Amino acid sequence: MAQDWTAVYLAHRETYAAFLTAVDAEARVAWRRGRGEYEDEQQALAAVDAAFTKTQASFNMIDLDAVGAAPAASALVEWIRAMHEASNETADAWEEFMQRRRAFVEAAREDLRVR
């Protein structure tokens, strides 16, 4: 009897999409902070903390599974965390983020193709 992998595929797709959404939100926080768009550093740190928590929770699901797009997800998280440490955001930092984001999307697509 063949096993139906639909539920597994959908779960992984949802996990990847949730991670991508969290990463995008955290990158926007880093960008806004770097541009000085928060009222003060306390507000900026609160936004960073909230975004970091969501990204880490969604990354943990991918990291725990340790398949497919996990290395690309890890590289993307590393870059976002580096963006938080930069004193201001540059177009180069954003372009690097987008390159790592595209690499994650491709890795996720490939993983979903084999499911």
N, C-alpha and C. Protein backbone atom coordinates (compact mmCIF):
# COMPACT_ATOMS: atom_id res chain seq x y z
N MET A 1 0.84 -1.18 0.00
CA MET A 1 0.00 0.00 0.00
C MET A 1 0.89 1.25 0.00
N ALA A 2 0.67 2.13 -0.94
CA ALA A 2 1.45 3.36 -1.05
C ALA A 2 1.02 4.36 0.01
N GLN A 3 2.01 5.07 0.52
CA GLN A 3 1.71 6.08 1.53
C GLN A 3 1.41 7.41 0.86
N ASP A 4 0.42 8.11 1.39
CA ASP A 4 0.08 9.44 0.89
C ASP A 4 0.93 10.46 1.63
N TRP A 5 1.82 11.11 0.90
CA TRP A 5 2.73 12.09 1.49
C TRP A 5 2.19 13.51 1.43
N THR A 6 0.93 13.66 1.03
CA THR A 6 0.34 14.99 0.89
C THR A 6 0.42 15.79 2.19
N ALA A 7 0.07 15.17 3.29
CA ALA A 7 0.09 15.88 4.58
C ALA A 7 1.51 16.34 4.94
N VAL A 8 2.50 15.51 4.66
CA VAL A 8 3.89 15.86 4.94
C VAL A 8 4.32 17.03 4.05
N TYR A 9 3.99 16.94 2.77
CA TYR A 9 4.32 18.01 1.84
C TYR A 9 3.70 19.33 2.30
N LEU A 10 2.42 19.31 2.62
CA LEU A 10 1.73 20.53 3.04
C LEU A 10 2.30 21.09 4.33
N ALA A 11 2.67 20.22 5.25
CA ALA A 11 3.26 20.68 6.51
C ALA A 11 4.60 21.37 6.26
N HIS A 12 5.42 20.77 5.40
CA HIS A 12 6.71 21.39 5.09
C HIS A 12 6.52 22.71 4.34
N ARG A 13 5.60 22.74 3.41
CA ARG A 13 5.34 23.98 2.69
C ARG A 13 4.89 25.08 3.65
N GLU A 14 4.02 24.73 4.58
CA GLU A 14 3.56 25.71 5.56
C GLU A 14 4.69 26.19 6.46
N THR A 15 5.55 25.26 6.86
CA THR A 15 6.70 25.62 7.70
C THR A 15 7.63 26.57 6.95
N TYR A 16 7.93 26.26 5.69
CA TYR A 16 8.79 27.12 4.89
C TYR A 16 8.16 28.50 4.69
N ALA A 17 6.87 28.53 4.41
CA ALA A 17 6.19 29.82 4.19
C ALA A 17 6.18 30.66 5.47
N ALA A 18 5.92 30.02 6.60
CA ALA A 18 5.92 30.76 7.88
C ALA A 18 7.30 31.33 8.18
N PHE A 19 8.33 30.55 7.89
CA PHE A 19 9.69 31.03 8.10
C PHE A 19 9.98 32.22 7.19
N LEU A 20 9.61 32.11 5.92
CA LEU A 20 9.85 33.19 4.98
C LEU A 20 9.12 34.47 5.40
N THR A 21 7.91 34.34 5.87
CA THR A 21 7.15 35.49 6.34
C THR A 21 7.83 36.13 7.54
N ALA A 22 8.29 35.31 8.48
CA ALA A 22 8.96 35.83 9.68
C ALA A 22 10.28 36.51 9.31
N VAL A 23 11.03 35.91 8.40
CA VAL A 23 12.30 36.46 7.95
C VAL A 23 12.08 37.82 7.28
N ASP A 24 11.09 37.89 6.43
CA ASP A 24 10.80 39.16 5.76
C ASP A 24 10.46 40.25 6.77
N ALA A 25 9.66 39.89 7.75
CA ALA A 25 9.27 40.87 8.78
C ALA A 25 10.49 41.31 9.60
N GLU A 26 11.35 40.36 9.96
CA GLU A 26 12.53 40.73 10.74
C GLU A 26 13.50 41.58 9.92
N ALA A 27 13.63 41.27 8.66
CA ALA A 27 14.51 42.08 7.80
C ALA A 27 13.99 43.51 7.70
N ARG A 28 12.67 43.67 7.62
CA ARG A 28 12.11 45.02 7.58
C ARG A 28 12.40 45.77 8.88
N VAL A 29 12.33 45.07 10.01
CA VAL A 29 12.66 45.70 11.29
C VAL A 29 14.12 46.14 11.29
N ALA A 30 15.02 45.28 10.84
CA ALA A 30 16.44 45.64 10.79
C ALA A 30 16.66 46.83 9.86
N TRP A 31 15.98 46.84 8.73
CA TRP A 31 16.11 47.94 7.78
C TRP A 31 15.60 49.25 8.40
N ARG A 32 14.42 49.18 9.00
CA ARG A 32 13.84 50.39 9.61
C ARG A 32 14.72 50.90 10.75
N ARG A 33 15.26 49.98 11.54
CA ARG A 33 16.13 50.38 12.64
C ARG A 33 17.38 51.05 12.10
N GLY A 34 17.98 50.46 11.09
CA GLY A 34 19.19 51.02 10.49
C GLY A 34 18.97 52.40 9.89
N ARG A 35 17.75 52.65 9.44
CA ARG A 35 17.42 53.95 8.85
C ARG A 35 16.94 54.94 9.90
N GLY A 36 16.86 54.51 11.17
CA GLY A 36 16.45 55.40 12.24
C GLY A 36 14.98 55.73 12.24
N GLU A 37 14.15 54.79 11.79
CA GLU A 37 12.72 55.05 11.65
C GLU A 37 11.91 54.80 12.92
N TYR A 38 12.55 54.29 13.97
CA TYR A 38 11.84 54.10 15.23
C TYR A 38 11.98 55.36 16.08
N GLU A 39 11.02 55.60 16.93
CA GLU A 39 11.04 56.82 17.77
C GLU A 39 12.28 56.88 18.64
N ASP A 40 12.65 55.75 19.20
CA ASP A 40 13.84 55.69 20.05
C ASP A 40 14.38 54.26 20.05
N GLU A 41 15.52 54.10 20.70
CA GLU A 41 16.17 52.78 20.71
C GLU A 41 15.34 51.74 21.47
N GLN A 42 14.61 52.15 22.47
CA GLN A 42 13.77 51.21 23.22
C GLN A 42 12.68 50.63 22.31
N GLN A 43 12.05 51.48 21.51
CA GLN A 43 11.03 51.01 20.57
C GLN A 43 11.67 50.09 19.52
N ALA A 44 12.84 50.46 19.06
CA ALA A 44 13.54 49.64 18.07
C ALA A 44 13.89 48.27 18.64
N LEU A 45 14.41 48.24 19.86
CA LEU A 45 14.76 46.96 20.48
C LEU A 45 13.55 46.09 20.73
N ALA A 46 12.42 46.70 21.08
CA ALA A 46 11.19 45.93 21.27
C ALA A 46 10.76 45.30 19.94
N ALA A 47 10.88 46.05 18.85
CA ALA A 47 10.53 45.52 17.53
C ALA A 47 11.48 44.39 17.13
N VAL A 48 12.76 44.59 17.40
CA VAL A 48 13.76 43.56 17.09
C VAL A 48 13.46 42.29 17.88
N ASP A 49 13.19 42.43 19.16
CA ASP A 49 12.92 41.27 20.01
C ASP A 49 11.70 40.49 19.52
N ALA A 50 10.63 41.21 19.19
CA ALA A 50 9.41 40.54 18.72
C ALA A 50 9.67 39.81 17.40
N ALA A 51 10.37 40.48 16.48
CA ALA A 51 10.66 39.87 15.18
C ALA A 51 11.62 38.69 15.34
N PHE A 52 12.65 38.86 16.16
CA PHE A 52 13.62 37.79 16.41
C PHE A 52 12.92 36.55 16.94
N THR A 53 12.01 36.73 17.87
CA THR A 53 11.30 35.61 18.48
C THR A 53 10.50 34.83 17.45
N LYS A 54 9.82 35.53 16.57
CA LYS A 54 9.02 34.86 15.53
C LYS A 54 9.92 34.13 14.53
N THR A 55 10.98 34.79 14.12
CA THR A 55 11.89 34.14 13.17
C THR A 55 12.52 32.90 13.80
N GLN A 56 12.97 33.03 15.04
CA GLN A 56 13.62 31.88 15.68
C GLN A 56 12.66 30.72 15.86
N ALA A 57 11.41 31.01 16.23
CA ALA A 57 10.42 29.95 16.40
C ALA A 57 10.17 29.22 15.08
N SER A 58 10.07 29.96 14.00
CA SER A 58 9.83 29.32 12.71
C SER A 58 11.09 28.61 12.20
N PHE A 59 12.26 29.16 12.48
CA PHE A 59 13.50 28.50 12.10
C PHE A 59 13.68 27.19 12.87
N ASN A 60 13.29 27.18 14.13
CA ASN A 60 13.43 25.97 14.93
C ASN A 60 12.72 24.78 14.30
N MET A 61 11.59 25.04 13.67
CA MET A 61 10.86 23.95 13.00
C MET A 61 11.68 23.37 11.85
N ILE A 62 12.34 24.22 11.11
CA ILE A 62 13.16 23.77 9.99
C ILE A 62 14.43 23.10 10.51
N ASP A 63 15.05 23.71 11.51
CA ASP A 63 16.27 23.18 12.09
C ASP A 63 16.04 21.81 12.72
N LEU A 64 14.92 21.66 13.37
CA LEU A 64 14.58 20.39 14.01
C LEU A 64 14.45 19.28 12.98
N ASP A 65 13.83 19.58 11.86
CA ASP A 65 13.65 18.60 10.80
C ASP A 65 14.96 18.30 10.09
N ALA A 66 15.83 19.30 9.99
CA ALA A 66 17.18 19.16 9.43
C ALA A 66 17.19 18.57 8.02
N VAL A 67 16.20 18.91 7.23
CA VAL A 67 16.18 18.44 5.84
C VAL A 67 16.07 19.62 4.89
N GLY A 68 16.27 19.32 3.65
CA GLY A 68 16.00 20.28 2.58
C GLY A 68 16.66 21.62 2.72
N ALA A 69 15.88 22.60 3.08
CA ALA A 69 16.33 23.98 3.06
C ALA A 69 16.97 24.44 4.37
N ALA A 70 17.26 23.55 5.28
CA ALA A 70 17.82 23.94 6.58
C ALA A 70 19.12 24.74 6.46
N PRO A 71 20.09 24.32 5.64
CA PRO A 71 21.32 25.13 5.53
C PRO A 71 21.06 26.54 4.96
N ALA A 72 20.20 26.64 3.98
CA ALA A 72 19.88 27.95 3.41
C ALA A 72 19.12 28.81 4.41
N ALA A 73 18.26 28.19 5.20
CA ALA A 73 17.53 28.92 6.25
C ALA A 73 18.50 29.45 7.29
N SER A 74 19.46 28.63 7.67
CA SER A 74 20.46 29.03 8.65
C SER A 74 21.28 30.22 8.14
N ALA A 75 21.68 30.18 6.89
CA ALA A 75 22.46 31.28 6.30
C ALA A 75 21.65 32.57 6.27
N LEU A 76 20.36 32.44 6.01
CA LEU A 76 19.49 33.61 5.98
C LEU A 76 19.34 34.21 7.37
N VAL A 77 19.16 33.37 8.37
CA VAL A 77 19.05 33.86 9.76
C VAL A 77 20.35 34.53 10.17
N GLU A 78 21.48 33.92 9.84
CA GLU A 78 22.78 34.52 10.17
C GLU A 78 22.88 35.94 9.61
N TRP A 79 22.46 36.11 8.35
CA TRP A 79 22.59 37.42 7.73
C TRP A 79 21.67 38.44 8.38
N ILE A 80 20.46 38.04 8.70
CA ILE A 80 19.54 38.98 9.36
C ILE A 80 20.11 39.42 10.69
N ARG A 81 20.67 38.49 11.44
CA ARG A 81 21.26 38.85 12.73
C ARG A 81 22.43 39.80 12.54
N ALA A 82 23.19 39.63 11.47
CA ALA A 82 24.28 40.56 11.16
C ALA A 82 23.73 41.94 10.80
N MET A 83 22.58 41.96 10.14
CA MET A 83 21.96 43.24 9.80
C MET A 83 21.59 44.02 11.06
N HIS A 84 21.17 43.33 12.11
CA HIS A 84 20.83 43.99 13.37
C HIS A 84 22.05 44.65 14.00
N GLU A 85 23.21 44.03 13.81
CA GLU A 85 24.42 44.53 14.44
C GLU A 85 25.05 45.69 13.67
N ALA A 86 24.69 45.85 12.42
CA ALA A 86 25.25 46.94 11.61
C ALA A 86 24.72 48.28 12.13
N SER A 87 25.54 49.29 12.03
CA SER A 87 25.13 50.59 12.54
C SER A 87 24.08 51.24 11.64
N ASN A 88 24.14 50.98 10.37
CA ASN A 88 23.09 51.46 9.48
C ASN A 88 22.99 50.50 8.28
N GLU A 89 21.84 50.48 7.67
CA GLU A 89 21.62 49.54 6.57
C GLU A 89 22.05 50.18 5.26
N THR A 90 22.59 49.36 4.40
CA THR A 90 23.01 49.83 3.09
C THR A 90 22.31 49.00 2.02
N ALA A 91 22.35 49.48 0.82
CA ALA A 91 21.78 48.73 -0.30
C ALA A 91 22.50 47.39 -0.46
N ASP A 92 23.82 47.38 -0.18
CA ASP A 92 24.58 46.13 -0.29
C ASP A 92 24.09 45.09 0.72
N ALA A 93 23.80 45.52 1.93
CA ALA A 93 23.29 44.60 2.96
C ALA A 93 21.94 44.05 2.54
N TRP A 94 21.10 44.92 1.99
CA TRP A 94 19.78 44.47 1.55
C TRP A 94 19.89 43.51 0.37
N GLU A 95 20.80 43.79 -0.56
CA GLU A 95 21.00 42.91 -1.72
C GLU A 95 21.49 41.54 -1.26
N GLU A 96 22.40 41.51 -0.29
CA GLU A 96 22.87 40.24 0.25
C GLU A 96 21.71 39.48 0.90
N PHE A 97 20.87 40.19 1.63
CA PHE A 97 19.69 39.55 2.22
C PHE A 97 18.83 38.94 1.12
N MET A 98 18.58 39.69 0.05
CA MET A 98 17.73 39.19 -1.02
C MET A 98 18.36 37.97 -1.72
N GLN A 99 19.68 37.96 -1.86
CA GLN A 99 20.34 36.80 -2.46
C GLN A 99 20.18 35.57 -1.58
N ARG A 100 20.35 35.74 -0.28
CA ARG A 100 20.18 34.62 0.64
C ARG A 100 18.72 34.18 0.70
N ARG A 101 17.81 35.14 0.59
CA ARG A 101 16.39 34.81 0.58
C ARG A 101 16.06 33.97 -0.66
N ARG A 102 16.58 34.39 -1.82
CA ARG A 102 16.35 33.63 -3.05
C ARG A 102 16.94 32.22 -2.94
N ALA A 103 18.11 32.10 -2.34
CA ALA A 103 18.73 30.79 -2.16
C ALA A 103 17.84 29.90 -1.28
N PHE A 104 17.27 30.48 -0.22
CA PHE A 104 16.37 29.70 0.62
C PHE A 104 15.14 29.26 -0.16
N VAL A 105 14.54 30.17 -0.91
CA VAL A 105 13.34 29.84 -1.69
C VAL A 105 13.64 28.70 -2.65
N GLU A 106 14.77 28.76 -3.34
CA GLU A 106 15.14 27.69 -4.27
C GLU A 106 15.35 26.36 -3.54
N ALA A 107 16.01 26.41 -2.38
CA ALA A 107 16.23 25.19 -1.61
C ALA A 107 14.91 24.62 -1.11
N ALA A 108 14.01 25.48 -0.68
CA ALA A 108 12.69 25.02 -0.22
C ALA A 108 11.91 24.41 -1.38
N ARG A 109 11.94 25.06 -2.53
CA ARG A 109 11.24 24.51 -3.70
C ARG A 109 11.79 23.14 -4.07
N GLU A 110 13.10 23.01 -4.04
CA GLU A 110 13.71 21.72 -4.37
C GLU A 110 13.28 20.66 -3.36
N ASP A 111 13.30 21.01 -2.09
CA ASP A 111 12.88 20.05 -1.07
C ASP A 111 11.42 19.66 -1.27
N LEU A 112 10.59 20.60 -1.59
CA LEU A 112 9.17 20.29 -1.80
C LEU A 112 8.97 19.46 -3.06
N ARG A 113 9.81 19.64 -4.08
CA ARG A 113 9.71 18.86 -5.31
C ARG A 113 9.95 17.38 -5.06
N VAL A 114 10.84 17.07 -4.14
CA VAL A 114 11.18 15.66 -3.89
C VAL A 114 10.23 14.99 -2.91
N ARG A 115 9.32 15.72 -2.36
CA ARG A 115 8.36 15.15 -1.40
C ARG A 115 7.19 14.55 -2.11
